[in-house]
C-alpha atoms as a PDB file:
ATOM      1  CA  MET A   1     156.685 206.106  59.504  1.00  0.00           C
ATOM      2  CA  SER A   2     158.114 206.504  56.080  1.00  0.00           C
ATOM      3  CA  PRO A   3     158.427 203.360  53.945  1.00  0.00           C
ATOM      4  CA  SER A   4     161.832 203.326  52.365  1.00  0.00           C
ATOM      5  CA  GLU A   5     161.563 201.033  49.359  1.00  0.00           C
ATOM      6  CA  PHE A   6     159.136 199.341  47.021  1.00  0.00           C
ATOM      7  CA  THR A   7     159.068 195.617  46.346  1.00  0.00           C
ATOM      8  CA  LEU A   8     159.061 194.401  42.748  1.00  0.00           C
ATOM      9  CA  HIS A   9     155.422 193.419  43.226  1.00  0.00           C
ATOM     10  CA  ALA A  10     154.596 196.966  44.352  1.00  0.00           C
ATOM     11  CA  TRP A  11     156.313 198.508  41.313  1.00  0.00           C
ATOM     12  CA  ARG A  12     154.339 196.234  39.011  1.00  0.00           C
ATOM     13  CA  ARG A  13     151.069 197.149  40.707  1.00  0.00           C
ATOM     14  CA  ILE A  14     151.854 200.865  40.702  1.00  0.00           C
ATOM     15  CA  SER A  15     152.584 200.918  36.980  1.00  0.00           C
ATOM     16  CA  GLY A  16     149.740 198.576  36.074  1.00  0.00           C
ATOM     17  CA  ARG A  17     147.202 200.570  38.082  1.00  0.00           C
ATOM     18  CA  SER A  18     148.515 204.002  37.072  1.00  0.00           C
ATOM     19  CA  ILE A  19     148.951 205.172  40.651  1.00  0.00           C
ATOM     20  CA  SER A  20     151.381 208.052  41.022  1.00  0.00           C
ATOM     21  CA  GLU A  21     154.091 208.371  43.639  1.00  0.00           C
ATOM     22  CA  GLU A  22     152.364 211.589  44.736  1.00  0.00           C
ATOM     23  CA  GLY A  23     149.236 209.545  45.462  1.00  0.00           C
ATOM     24  CA  ILE A  24     151.238 207.033  47.474  1.00  0.00           C
ATOM     25  CA  GLU A  25     152.877 209.813  49.459  1.00  0.00           C
ATOM     26  CA  ALA A  26     149.499 211.464  50.082  1.00  0.00           C
ATOM     27  CA  ALA A  27     148.095 208.176  51.406  1.00  0.00           C
ATOM     28  CA  ILE A  28     151.037 207.671  53.761  1.00  0.00           C
ATOM     29  CA  VAL A  29     151.163 211.250  55.024  1.00  0.00           C
ATOM     30  CA  HIS A  30     147.439 212.109  55.160  1.00  0.00           C
ATOM     31  CA  GLY A  31     145.688 208.739  55.121  1.00  0.00           C
ATOM     32  CA  ARG A  32     144.361 206.752  58.028  1.00  0.00           C
ATOM     33  CA  ARG A  33     146.474 203.884  59.276  1.00  0.00           C
ATOM     34  CA  TYR A  34     145.189 200.461  60.261  1.00  0.00           C
ATOM     35  CA  TRP A  35     146.491 196.915  60.501  1.00  0.00           C
ATOM     36  CA  ASN A  36     145.358 194.044  58.300  1.00  0.00           C
ATOM     37  CA  GLN A  37     146.803 190.538  58.543  1.00  0.00           C
ATOM     38  CA  GLY A  38     149.818 191.839  60.440  1.00  0.00           C
ATOM     39  CA  ARG A  39     150.634 194.512  57.883  1.00  0.00           C
ATOM     40  CA  GLU A  40     150.341 198.246  58.198  1.00  0.00           C
ATOM     41  CA  VAL A  41     147.932 199.782  55.678  1.00  0.00           C
ATOM     42  CA  TYR A  42     147.466 203.469  54.870  1.00  0.00           C
ATOM     43  CA  ARG A  43     144.118 204.398  53.367  1.00  0.00           C
ATOM     44  CA  LEU A  44     143.285 207.748  51.844  1.00  0.00           C
ATOM     45  CA  ASP A  45     139.548 207.867  52.427  1.00  0.00           C
ATOM     46  CA  ARG A  46     136.962 210.623  52.127  1.00  0.00           C
ATOM     47  CA  ARG A  47     137.490 211.770  55.697  1.00  0.00           C
ATOM     48  CA  SER A  48     141.253 212.104  55.161  1.00  0.00           C
ATOM     49  CA  VAL A  49     140.713 214.093  51.963  1.00  0.00           C
ATOM     50  CA  ARG A  50     138.303 216.480  53.731  1.00  0.00           C
ATOM     51  CA  LYS A  51     140.721 216.986  56.594  1.00  0.00           C
ATOM     52  CA  ALA A  52     143.588 217.758  54.192  1.00  0.00           C
ATOM     53  CA  LYS A  53     141.338 220.191  52.312  1.00  0.00           C
ATOM     54  CA  GLN A  54     140.914 222.207  55.523  1.00  0.00           C
ATOM     55  CA  PHE A  55     144.660 222.837  55.355  1.00  0.00           C
ATOM     56  CA  GLY A  56     144.484 223.894  51.717  1.00  0.00           C
ATOM     57  CA  LEU A  57     145.628 220.573  50.204  1.00  0.00           C
ATOM     58  CA  GLN A  58     143.850 219.273  47.121  1.00  0.00           C
ATOM     59  CA  ILE A  59     144.336 215.498  47.193  1.00  0.00           C
ATOM     60  CA  GLY A  60     140.840 214.387  46.181  1.00  0.00           C
ATOM     61  CA  GLU A  61     142.145 212.751  43.012  1.00  0.00           C
ATOM     62  CA  PHE A  62     144.002 210.245  45.201  1.00  0.00           C
ATOM     63  CA  GLU A  63     140.977 209.192  47.258  1.00  0.00           C
ATOM     64  CA  GLY A  64     140.732 205.428  47.635  1.00  0.00           C
ATOM     65  CA  ILE A  65     144.451 204.667  47.455  1.00  0.00           C
ATOM     66  CA  HIS A  66     145.653 201.996  49.884  1.00  0.00           C
ATOM     67  CA  VAL A  67     149.342 201.410  50.600  1.00  0.00           C
ATOM     68  CA  VAL A  68     150.333 198.112  52.254  1.00  0.00           C
ATOM     69  CA  VAL A  69     153.622 198.179  54.145  1.00  0.00           C
ATOM     70  CA  GLY A  70     155.496 195.019  55.110  1.00  0.00           C
ATOM     71  CA  ASN A  71     157.148 194.279  58.445  1.00  0.00           C
ATOM     72  CA  ASN A  72     160.522 195.445  57.124  1.00  0.00           C
ATOM     73  CA  GLY A  73     159.133 198.866  56.106  1.00  0.00           C
ATOM     74  CA  ASP A  74     158.998 198.205  52.365  1.00  0.00           C
ATOM     75  CA  ILE A  75     155.854 199.000  50.409  1.00  0.00           C
ATOM     76  CA  VAL A  76     154.422 195.610  49.443  1.00  0.00           C
ATOM     77  CA  THR A  77     151.514 196.662  47.223  1.00  0.00           C
ATOM     78  CA  VAL A  78     149.344 199.612  46.302  1.00  0.00           C
ATOM     79  CA  TYR A  79     145.742 199.575  45.118  1.00  0.00           C
ATOM     80  CA  ARG A  80     142.701 201.790  44.762  1.00  0.00           C
ATOM     81  CA  ASN A  81     139.351 200.965  46.373  1.00  0.00           C
ATOM     82  CA  LYS A  82     136.953 203.817  47.051  1.00  0.00           C
ATOM     83  CA  THR A  83     134.272 201.683  48.648  1.00  0.00           C
ATOM     84  CA  GLY A  84     136.607 199.953  51.094  1.00  0.00           C
ATOM     85  CA  LYS A  85     135.783 198.329  54.379  1.00  0.00           C
ATOM     86  CA  LYS A  86     135.340 200.161  57.646  1.00  0.00           C
ATOM     87  CA  ILE A  87     138.586 200.879  59.417  1.00  0.00           C
ATOM     88  CA  PRO A  88     138.782 199.400  62.903  1.00  0.00           C
ATOM     89  CA  ARG A  89     139.162 201.992  65.659  1.00  0.00           C
END
């Protein structure tokens, strides 16, 4: 899945929280996916960063980024939370 567009809310959050597009891409490509309140969420957690490091990717600076994707495929919001909740399996 590759979200195609950002909502206005997402752009405001991205700029206000100084989260780079590279970080968002890393979360979508390498992060773990789960569902929350009917929305798809990609989370770049410690486990995802370690796994990427095994393949020679250095994405540790993006750890904790969450990307929330709406039902239409647009990115709704982006935030950083390193402590985060457990991801349901």
